[in-house]
Amino acid sequence: MLPARELSRRLRAIREGLRREKKVRLALESANWSVIEGVLSQGDRRLGEVIVKADEGGANLGAWRGAMRDAGVSVEEYVGRG
């Protein structure tokens, strides 16, 4: 999975390229959330603690990042960089 910064750059390019197309409607999710979802999709039992802590913290993006940091979970370990 690409880093969030690169995903964001590509999404902006797609939006810009299609902005004049009247019949095309995009509903894109943030690249940062896509990375969290990627981690969850590839995760194992070690993510149990992360899920609980993120929920307790409000389940927003900051809570997920903090829960992963606190649990020592590396995004790269689950979704790589590529």
PDB file of N, CA and C in Angstrom:
ATOM      1  N   MET A   1       0.853  -1.174   0.000  1.00  0.00           N
ATOM      2  CA  MET A   1       0.000   0.000   0.000  1.00  0.00           C
ATOM      3  C   MET A   1       0.898   1.237   0.000  1.00  0.00           C
ATOM      4  N   LEU A   2       0.474   2.215  -0.739  1.00  0.00           N
ATOM      5  CA  LEU A   2       1.239   3.461  -0.808  1.00  0.00           C
ATOM      6  C   LEU A   2       1.080   4.267   0.480  1.00  0.00           C
ATOM      7  N   PRO A   3       2.056   5.105   0.797  1.00  0.00           N
ATOM      8  CA  PRO A   3       1.920   5.996   1.951  1.00  0.00           C
ATOM      9  C   PRO A   3       0.741   6.957   1.747  1.00  0.00           C
ATOM     10  N   ALA A   4       0.159   7.414   2.847  1.00  0.00           N
ATOM     11  CA  ALA A   4      -1.002   8.308   2.795  1.00  0.00           C
ATOM     12  C   ALA A   4      -0.714   9.552   1.960  1.00  0.00           C
ATOM     13  N   ARG A   5       0.467  10.083   2.059  1.00  0.00           N
ATOM     14  CA  ARG A   5       0.819  11.297   1.288  1.00  0.00           C
ATOM     15  C   ARG A   5       0.715  11.034  -0.215  1.00  0.00           C
ATOM     16  N   GLU A   6       1.232   9.891  -0.653  1.00  0.00           N
ATOM     17  CA  GLU A   6       1.171   9.557  -2.081  1.00  0.00           C
ATOM     18  C   GLU A   6      -0.261   9.249  -2.505  1.00  0.00           C
ATOM     19  N   LEU A   7      -1.008   8.555  -1.653  1.00  0.00           N
ATOM     20  CA  LEU A   7      -2.420   8.303  -1.959  1.00  0.00           C
ATOM     21  C   LEU A   7      -3.177   9.618  -2.118  1.00  0.00           C
ATOM     22  N   SER A   8      -2.936  10.560  -1.217  1.00  0.00           N
ATOM     23  CA  SER A   8      -3.595  11.868  -1.292  1.00  0.00           C
ATOM     24  C   SER A   8      -3.237  12.592  -2.584  1.00  0.00           C
ATOM     25  N   ARG A   9      -1.981  12.546  -2.951  1.00  0.00           N
ATOM     26  CA  ARG A   9      -1.538  13.200  -4.181  1.00  0.00           C
ATOM     27  C   ARG A   9      -2.256  12.611  -5.391  1.00  0.00           C
ATOM     28  N   ARG A  10      -2.369  11.306  -5.427  1.00  0.00           N
ATOM     29  CA  ARG A  10      -3.032  10.655  -6.560  1.00  0.00           C
ATOM     30  C   ARG A  10      -4.531  10.952  -6.579  1.00  0.00           C
ATOM     31  N   LEU A  11      -5.145  10.975  -5.408  1.00  0.00           N
ATOM     32  CA  LEU A  11      -6.572  11.307  -5.350  1.00  0.00           C
ATOM     33  C   LEU A  11      -6.821  12.732  -5.841  1.00  0.00           C
ATOM     34  N   ARG A  12      -5.949  13.660  -5.458  1.00  0.00           N
ATOM     35  CA  ARG A  12      -6.074  15.040  -5.951  1.00  0.00           C
ATOM     36  C   ARG A  12      -5.951  15.088  -7.473  1.00  0.00           C
ATOM     37  N   ALA A  13      -5.022  14.318  -8.011  1.00  0.00           N
ATOM     38  CA  ALA A  13      -4.835  14.291  -9.461  1.00  0.00           C
ATOM     39  C   ALA A  13      -6.079  13.738 -10.160  1.00  0.00           C
ATOM     40  N   ILE A  14      -6.675  12.718  -9.588  1.00  0.00           N
ATOM     41  CA  ILE A  14      -7.902  12.154 -10.165  1.00  0.00           C
ATOM     42  C   ILE A  14      -9.028  13.177 -10.101  1.00  0.00           C
ATOM     43  N   ARG A  15      -9.202  13.796  -8.945  1.00  0.00           N
ATOM     44  CA  ARG A  15     -10.252  14.819  -8.806  1.00  0.00           C
ATOM     45  C   ARG A  15     -10.057  15.939  -9.824  1.00  0.00           C
ATOM     46  N   GLU A  16      -8.825  16.418  -9.926  1.00  0.00           N
ATOM     47  CA  GLU A  16      -8.525  17.510 -10.847  1.00  0.00           C
ATOM     48  C   GLU A  16      -8.777  17.090 -12.296  1.00  0.00           C
ATOM     49  N   GLY A  17      -8.378  15.889 -12.624  1.00  0.00           N
ATOM     50  CA  GLY A  17      -8.568  15.400 -13.986  1.00  0.00           C
ATOM     51  C   GLY A  17     -10.025  15.221 -14.369  1.00  0.00           C
ATOM     52  N   LEU A  18     -10.863  14.942 -13.387  1.00  0.00           N
ATOM     53  CA  LEU A  18     -12.281  14.699 -13.662  1.00  0.00           C
ATOM     54  C   LEU A  18     -13.184  15.862 -13.287  1.00  0.00           C
ATOM     55  N   ARG A  19     -12.621  16.942 -12.851  1.00  0.00           N
ATOM     56  CA  ARG A  19     -13.427  18.044 -12.317  1.00  0.00           C
ATOM     57  C   ARG A  19     -14.383  18.639 -13.341  1.00  0.00           C
ATOM     58  N   ARG A  20     -14.036  18.622 -14.585  1.00  0.00           N
ATOM     59  CA  ARG A  20     -14.906  19.208 -15.623  1.00  0.00           C
ATOM     60  C   ARG A  20     -15.934  18.222 -16.165  1.00  0.00           C
ATOM     61  N   GLU A  21     -15.826  16.973 -15.762  1.00  0.00           N
ATOM     62  CA  GLU A  21     -16.756  15.952 -16.249  1.00  0.00           C
ATOM     63  C   GLU A  21     -18.056  16.034 -15.464  1.00  0.00           C
ATOM     64  N   LYS A  22     -19.100  16.485 -16.100  1.00  0.00           N
ATOM     65  CA  LYS A  22     -20.393  16.699 -15.432  1.00  0.00           C
ATOM     66  C   LYS A  22     -21.058  15.396 -15.004  1.00  0.00           C
ATOM     67  N   LYS A  23     -20.824  14.329 -15.743  1.00  0.00           N
ATOM     68  CA  LYS A  23     -21.501  13.060 -15.463  1.00  0.00           C
ATOM     69  C   LYS A  23     -20.722  12.153 -14.514  1.00  0.00           C
ATOM     70  N   VAL A  24     -19.609  12.629 -14.019  1.00  0.00           N
ATOM     71  CA  VAL A  24     -18.788  11.826 -13.106  1.00  0.00           C
ATOM     72  C   VAL A  24     -18.874  12.427 -11.720  1.00  0.00           C
ATOM     73  N   ARG A  25     -19.242  11.604 -10.793  1.00  0.00           N
ATOM     74  CA  ARG A  25     -19.331  12.035  -9.399  1.00  0.00           C
ATOM     75  C   ARG A  25     -18.411  11.136  -8.562  1.00  0.00           C
ATOM     76  N   LEU A  26     -17.512  11.737  -7.834  1.00  0.00           N
ATOM     77  CA  LEU A  26     -16.573  10.976  -7.016  1.00  0.00           C
ATOM     78  C   LEU A  26     -16.954  11.070  -5.544  1.00  0.00           C
ATOM     79  N   ALA A  27     -16.866   9.953  -4.867  1.00  0.00           N
ATOM     80  CA  ALA A  27     -17.038   9.914  -3.421  1.00  0.00           C
ATOM     81  C   ALA A  27     -15.801   9.201  -2.880  1.00  0.00           C
ATOM     82  N   LEU A  28     -14.793   9.981  -2.579  1.00  0.00           N
ATOM     83  CA  LEU A  28     -13.508   9.421  -2.169  1.00  0.00           C
ATOM     84  C   LEU A  28     -13.306   9.577  -0.671  1.00  0.00           C
ATOM     85  N   GLU A  29     -12.750   8.592  -0.097  1.00  0.00           N
ATOM     86  CA  GLU A  29     -12.426   8.580   1.316  1.00  0.00           C
ATOM     87  C   GLU A  29     -11.027   9.170   1.492  1.00  0.00           C
ATOM     88  N   SER A  30     -10.723   9.626   2.692  1.00  0.00           N
ATOM     89  CA  SER A  30      -9.397  10.192   2.915  1.00  0.00           C
ATOM     90  C   SER A  30      -8.328   9.097   2.858  1.00  0.00           C
ATOM     91  N   ALA A  31      -7.179   9.476   2.384  1.00  0.00           N
ATOM     92  CA  ALA A  31      -6.069   8.533   2.294  1.00  0.00           C
ATOM     93  C   ALA A  31      -5.651   8.042   3.679  1.00  0.00           C
ATOM     94  N   ASN A  32      -5.731   8.911   4.676  1.00  0.00           N
ATOM     95  CA  ASN A  32      -5.351   8.516   6.034  1.00  0.00           C
ATOM     96  C   ASN A  32      -6.263   7.420   6.569  1.00  0.00           C
ATOM     97  N   TRP A  33      -7.560   7.548   6.311  1.00  0.00           N
ATOM     98  CA  TRP A  33      -8.483   6.493   6.743  1.00  0.00           C
ATOM     99  C   TRP A  33      -8.244   5.211   5.958  1.00  0.00           C
ATOM    100  N   SER A  34      -7.892   5.325   4.709  1.00  0.00           N
ATOM    101  CA  SER A  34      -7.607   4.135   3.901  1.00  0.00           C
ATOM    102  C   SER A  34      -6.436   3.351   4.475  1.00  0.00           C
ATOM    103  N   VAL A  35      -5.439   4.060   4.979  1.00  0.00           N
ATOM    104  CA  VAL A  35      -4.292   3.390   5.600  1.00  0.00           C
ATOM    105  C   VAL A  35      -4.739   2.646   6.863  1.00  0.00           C
ATOM    106  N   ILE A  36      -5.571   3.290   7.695  1.00  0.00           N
ATOM    107  CA  ILE A  36      -6.078   2.623   8.905  1.00  0.00           C
ATOM    108  C   ILE A  36      -6.857   1.371   8.505  1.00  0.00           C
ATOM    109  N   GLU A  37      -7.712   1.488   7.513  1.00  0.00           N
ATOM    110  CA  GLU A  37      -8.483   0.337   7.043  1.00  0.00           C
ATOM    111  C   GLU A  37      -7.578  -0.763   6.507  1.00  0.00           C
ATOM    112  N   GLY A  38      -6.505  -0.360   5.826  1.00  0.00           N
ATOM    113  CA  GLY A  38      -5.544  -1.341   5.335  1.00  0.00           C
ATOM    114  C   GLY A  38      -4.884  -2.108   6.464  1.00  0.00           C
ATOM    115  N   VAL A  39      -4.524  -1.406   7.518  1.00  0.00           N
ATOM    116  CA  VAL A  39      -3.934  -2.067   8.690  1.00  0.00           C
ATOM    117  C   VAL A  39      -4.933  -3.052   9.277  1.00  0.00           C
ATOM    118  N   LEU A  40      -6.169  -2.616   9.453  1.00  0.00           N
ATOM    119  CA  LEU A  40      -7.191  -3.490  10.026  1.00  0.00           C
ATOM    120  C   LEU A  40      -7.452  -4.708   9.145  1.00  0.00           C
ATOM    121  N   SER A  41      -7.422  -4.530   7.847  1.00  0.00           N
ATOM    122  CA  SER A  41      -7.698  -5.654   6.949  1.00  0.00           C
ATOM    123  C   SER A  41      -6.587  -6.692   6.972  1.00  0.00           C
ATOM    124  N   GLN A  42      -5.375  -6.269   7.278  1.00  0.00           N
ATOM    125  CA  GLN A  42      -4.239  -7.183   7.300  1.00  0.00           C
ATOM    126  C   GLN A  42      -3.852  -7.613   8.712  1.00  0.00           C
ATOM    127  N   GLY A  43      -4.546  -7.070   9.693  1.00  0.00           N
ATOM    128  CA  GLY A  43      -4.154  -7.234  11.089  1.00  0.00           C
ATOM    129  C   GLY A  43      -4.342  -8.625  11.657  1.00  0.00           C
ATOM    130  N   ASP A  44      -3.815  -8.775  12.835  1.00  0.00           N
ATOM    131  CA  ASP A  44      -3.908 -10.028  13.570  1.00  0.00           C
ATOM    132  C   ASP A  44      -4.334  -9.723  15.001  1.00  0.00           C
ATOM    133  N   ARG A  45      -4.192 -10.673  15.887  1.00  0.00           N
ATOM    134  CA  ARG A  45      -4.671 -10.515  17.261  1.00  0.00           C
ATOM    135  C   ARG A  45      -4.014  -9.352  18.001  1.00  0.00           C
ATOM    136  N   ARG A  46      -2.846  -8.928  17.552  1.00  0.00           N
ATOM    137  CA  ARG A  46      -2.179  -7.803  18.214  1.00  0.00           C
ATOM    138  C   ARG A  46      -2.960  -6.496  18.067  1.00  0.00           C
ATOM    139  N   LEU A  47      -3.869  -6.446  17.095  1.00  0.00           N
ATOM    140  CA  LEU A  47      -4.651  -5.232  16.900  1.00  0.00           C
ATOM    141  C   LEU A  47      -5.832  -5.127  17.856  1.00  0.00           C
ATOM    142  N   GLY A  48      -6.115  -6.182  18.624  1.00  0.00           N
ATOM    143  CA  GLY A  48      -7.218  -6.134  19.577  1.00  0.00           C
ATOM    144  C   GLY A  48      -7.083  -4.962  20.535  1.00  0.00           C
ATOM    145  N   GLU A  49      -5.909  -4.794  21.093  1.00  0.00           N
ATOM    146  CA  GLU A  49      -5.643  -3.691  22.017  1.00  0.00           C
ATOM    147  C   GLU A  49      -5.807  -2.334  21.318  1.00  0.00           C
ATOM    148  N   VAL A  50      -5.355  -2.267  20.085  1.00  0.00           N
ATOM    149  CA  VAL A  50      -5.470  -1.028  19.317  1.00  0.00           C
ATOM    150  C   VAL A  50      -6.934  -0.671  19.105  1.00  0.00           C
ATOM    151  N   ILE A  51      -7.740  -1.638  18.744  1.00  0.00           N
ATOM    152  CA  ILE A  51      -9.165  -1.397  18.491  1.00  0.00           C
ATOM    153  C   ILE A  51      -9.854  -0.894  19.743  1.00  0.00           C
ATOM    154  N   VAL A  52      -9.585  -1.526  20.870  1.00  0.00           N
ATOM    155  CA  VAL A  52     -10.208  -1.110  22.133  1.00  0.00           C
ATOM    156  C   VAL A  52      -9.784   0.308  22.496  1.00  0.00           C
ATOM    157  N   LYS A  53      -8.485   0.590  22.430  1.00  0.00           N
ATOM    158  CA  LYS A  53      -7.993   1.927  22.795  1.00  0.00           C
ATOM    159  C   LYS A  53      -8.493   3.002  21.844  1.00  0.00           C
ATOM    160  N   ALA A  54      -8.562   2.697  20.559  1.00  0.00           N
ATOM    161  CA  ALA A  54      -9.068   3.676  19.590  1.00  0.00           C
ATOM    162  C   ALA A  54     -10.540   3.973  19.873  1.00  0.00           C
ATOM    163  N   ASP A  55     -11.309   2.957  20.200  1.00  0.00           N
ATOM    164  CA  ASP A  55     -12.719   3.156  20.528  1.00  0.00           C
ATOM    165  C   ASP A  55     -12.861   4.002  21.790  1.00  0.00           C
ATOM    166  N   GLU A  56     -12.083   3.694  22.791  1.00  0.00           N
ATOM    167  CA  GLU A  56     -12.132   4.463  24.039  1.00  0.00           C
ATOM    168  C   GLU A  56     -11.732   5.920  23.810  1.00  0.00           C
ATOM    169  N   GLY A  57     -10.883   6.155  22.825  1.00  0.00           N
ATOM    170  CA  GLY A  57     -10.419   7.505  22.526  1.00  0.00           C
ATOM    171  C   GLY A  57     -11.313   8.265  21.573  1.00  0.00           C
ATOM    172  N   GLY A  58     -12.425   7.677  21.190  1.00  0.00           N
ATOM    173  CA  GLY A  58     -13.368   8.362  20.311  1.00  0.00           C
ATOM    174  C   GLY A  58     -13.375   7.859  18.885  1.00  0.00           C
ATOM    175  N   ALA A  59     -12.499   6.936  18.571  1.00  0.00           N
ATOM    176  CA  ALA A  59     -12.430   6.282  17.257  1.00  0.00           C
ATOM    177  C   ALA A  59     -12.196   7.261  16.105  1.00  0.00           C
ATOM    178  N   ASN A  60     -11.670   8.443  16.403  1.00  0.00           N
ATOM    179  CA  ASN A  60     -11.316   9.359  15.318  1.00  0.00           C
ATOM    180  C   ASN A  60      -9.906   9.015  14.831  1.00  0.00           C
ATOM    181  N   LEU A  61      -9.468   9.700  13.812  1.00  0.00           N
ATOM    182  CA  LEU A  61      -8.171   9.388  13.221  1.00  0.00           C
ATOM    183  C   LEU A  61      -7.035   9.508  14.237  1.00  0.00           C
ATOM    184  N   GLY A  62      -7.074  10.549  15.051  1.00  0.00           N
ATOM    185  CA  GLY A  62      -6.047  10.729  16.074  1.00  0.00           C
ATOM    186  C   GLY A  62      -6.045   9.610  17.099  1.00  0.00           C
ATOM    187  N   ALA A  63      -7.235   9.138  17.458  1.00  0.00           N
ATOM    188  CA  ALA A  63      -7.332   8.031  18.422  1.00  0.00           C
ATOM    189  C   ALA A  63      -6.728   6.758  17.841  1.00  0.00           C
ATOM    190  N   TRP A  64      -6.989   6.500  16.568  1.00  0.00           N
ATOM    191  CA  TRP A  64      -6.407   5.311  15.933  1.00  0.00           C
ATOM    192  C   TRP A  64      -4.892   5.409  15.872  1.00  0.00           C
ATOM    193  N   ARG A  65      -4.396   6.562  15.465  1.00  0.00           N
ATOM    194  CA  ARG A  65      -2.939   6.727  15.386  1.00  0.00           C
ATOM    195  C   ARG A  65      -2.289   6.591  16.760  1.00  0.00           C
ATOM    196  N   GLY A  66      -2.890   7.232  17.757  1.00  0.00           N
ATOM    197  CA  GLY A  66      -2.357   7.143  19.114  1.00  0.00           C
ATOM    198  C   GLY A  66      -2.391   5.729  19.651  1.00  0.00           C
ATOM    199  N   ALA A  67      -3.482   5.021  19.404  1.00  0.00           N
ATOM    200  CA  ALA A  67      -3.602   3.641  19.884  1.00  0.00           C
ATOM    201  C   ALA A  67      -2.556   2.745  19.229  1.00  0.00           C
ATOM    202  N   MET A  68      -2.303   2.965  17.948  1.00  0.00           N
ATOM    203  CA  MET A  68      -1.270   2.171  17.274  1.00  0.00           C
ATOM    204  C   MET A  68       0.106   2.497  17.814  1.00  0.00           C
ATOM    205  N   ARG A  69       0.363   3.775  18.011  1.00  0.00           N
ATOM    206  CA  ARG A  69       1.664   4.197  18.559  1.00  0.00           C
ATOM    207  C   ARG A  69       1.866   3.600  19.951  1.00  0.00           C
ATOM    208  N   ASP A  70       0.840   3.722  20.810  1.00  0.00           N
ATOM    209  CA  ASP A  70       0.945   3.219  22.183  1.00  0.00           C
ATOM    210  C   ASP A  70       1.153   1.707  22.237  1.00  0.00           C
ATOM    211  N   ALA A  71       0.575   1.001  21.274  1.00  0.00           N
ATOM    212  CA  ALA A  71       0.699  -0.460  21.242  1.00  0.00           C
ATOM    213  C   ALA A  71       1.955  -0.907  20.491  1.00  0.00           C
ATOM    214  N   GLY A  72       2.695   0.048  19.951  1.00  0.00           N
ATOM    215  CA  GLY A  72       3.901  -0.302  19.209  1.00  0.00           C
ATOM    216  C   GLY A  72       3.615  -0.945  17.862  1.00  0.00           C
ATOM    217  N   VAL A  73       2.453  -0.630  17.299  1.00  0.00           N
ATOM    218  CA  VAL A  73       2.062  -1.195  16.008  1.00  0.00           C
ATOM    219  C   VAL A  73       2.552  -0.277  14.897  1.00  0.00           C
ATOM    220  N   SER A  74       3.237  -0.848  13.959  1.00  0.00           N
ATOM    221  CA  SER A  74       3.770  -0.107  12.822  1.00  0.00           C
ATOM    222  C   SER A  74       2.873  -0.319  11.603  1.00  0.00           C
ATOM    223  N   VAL A  75       2.459   0.772  10.985  1.00  0.00           N
ATOM    224  CA  VAL A  75       1.646   0.687   9.774  1.00  0.00           C
ATOM    225  C   VAL A  75       2.395  -0.129   8.724  1.00  0.00           C
ATOM    226  N   GLU A  76       3.667   0.146   8.569  1.00  0.00           N
ATOM    227  CA  GLU A  76       4.472  -0.540   7.558  1.00  0.00           C
ATOM    228  C   GLU A  76       4.490  -2.060   7.765  1.00  0.00           C
ATOM    229  N   GLU A  77       4.413  -2.478   9.011  1.00  0.00           N
ATOM    230  CA  GLU A  77       4.416  -3.910   9.316  1.00  0.00           C
ATOM    231  C   GLU A  77       3.210  -4.603   8.692  1.00  0.00           C
ATOM    232  N   TYR A  78       2.105  -3.919   8.618  1.00  0.00           N
ATOM    233  CA  TYR A  78       0.876  -4.521   8.110  1.00  0.00           C
ATOM    234  C   TYR A  78       0.610  -4.233   6.640  1.00  0.00           C
ATOM    235  N   VAL A  79       0.837  -3.019   6.197  1.00  0.00           N
ATOM    236  CA  VAL A  79       0.501  -2.691   4.809  1.00  0.00           C
ATOM    237  C   VAL A  79       1.708  -2.343   3.964  1.00  0.00           C
ATOM    238  N   GLY A  80       2.878  -2.316   4.561  1.00  0.00           N
ATOM    239  CA  GLY A  80       4.093  -2.038   3.813  1.00  0.00           C
ATOM    240  C   GLY A  80       4.100  -0.653   3.214  1.00  0.00           C
ATOM    241  N   ARG A  81       5.064  -0.393   2.432  1.00  0.00           N
ATOM    242  CA  ARG A  81       5.184   0.889   1.731  1.00  0.00           C
ATOM    243  C   ARG A  81       5.620   0.574   0.324  1.00  0.00           C
ATOM    244  N   GLY A  82       4.766   0.929  -0.606  1.00  0.00           N
ATOM    245  CA  GLY A  82       5.200   0.549  -1.872  1.00  0.00           C
ATOM    246  C   GLY A  82       4.784   1.151  -3.057  1.00  0.00           C
TER     247      GLY A  82
END
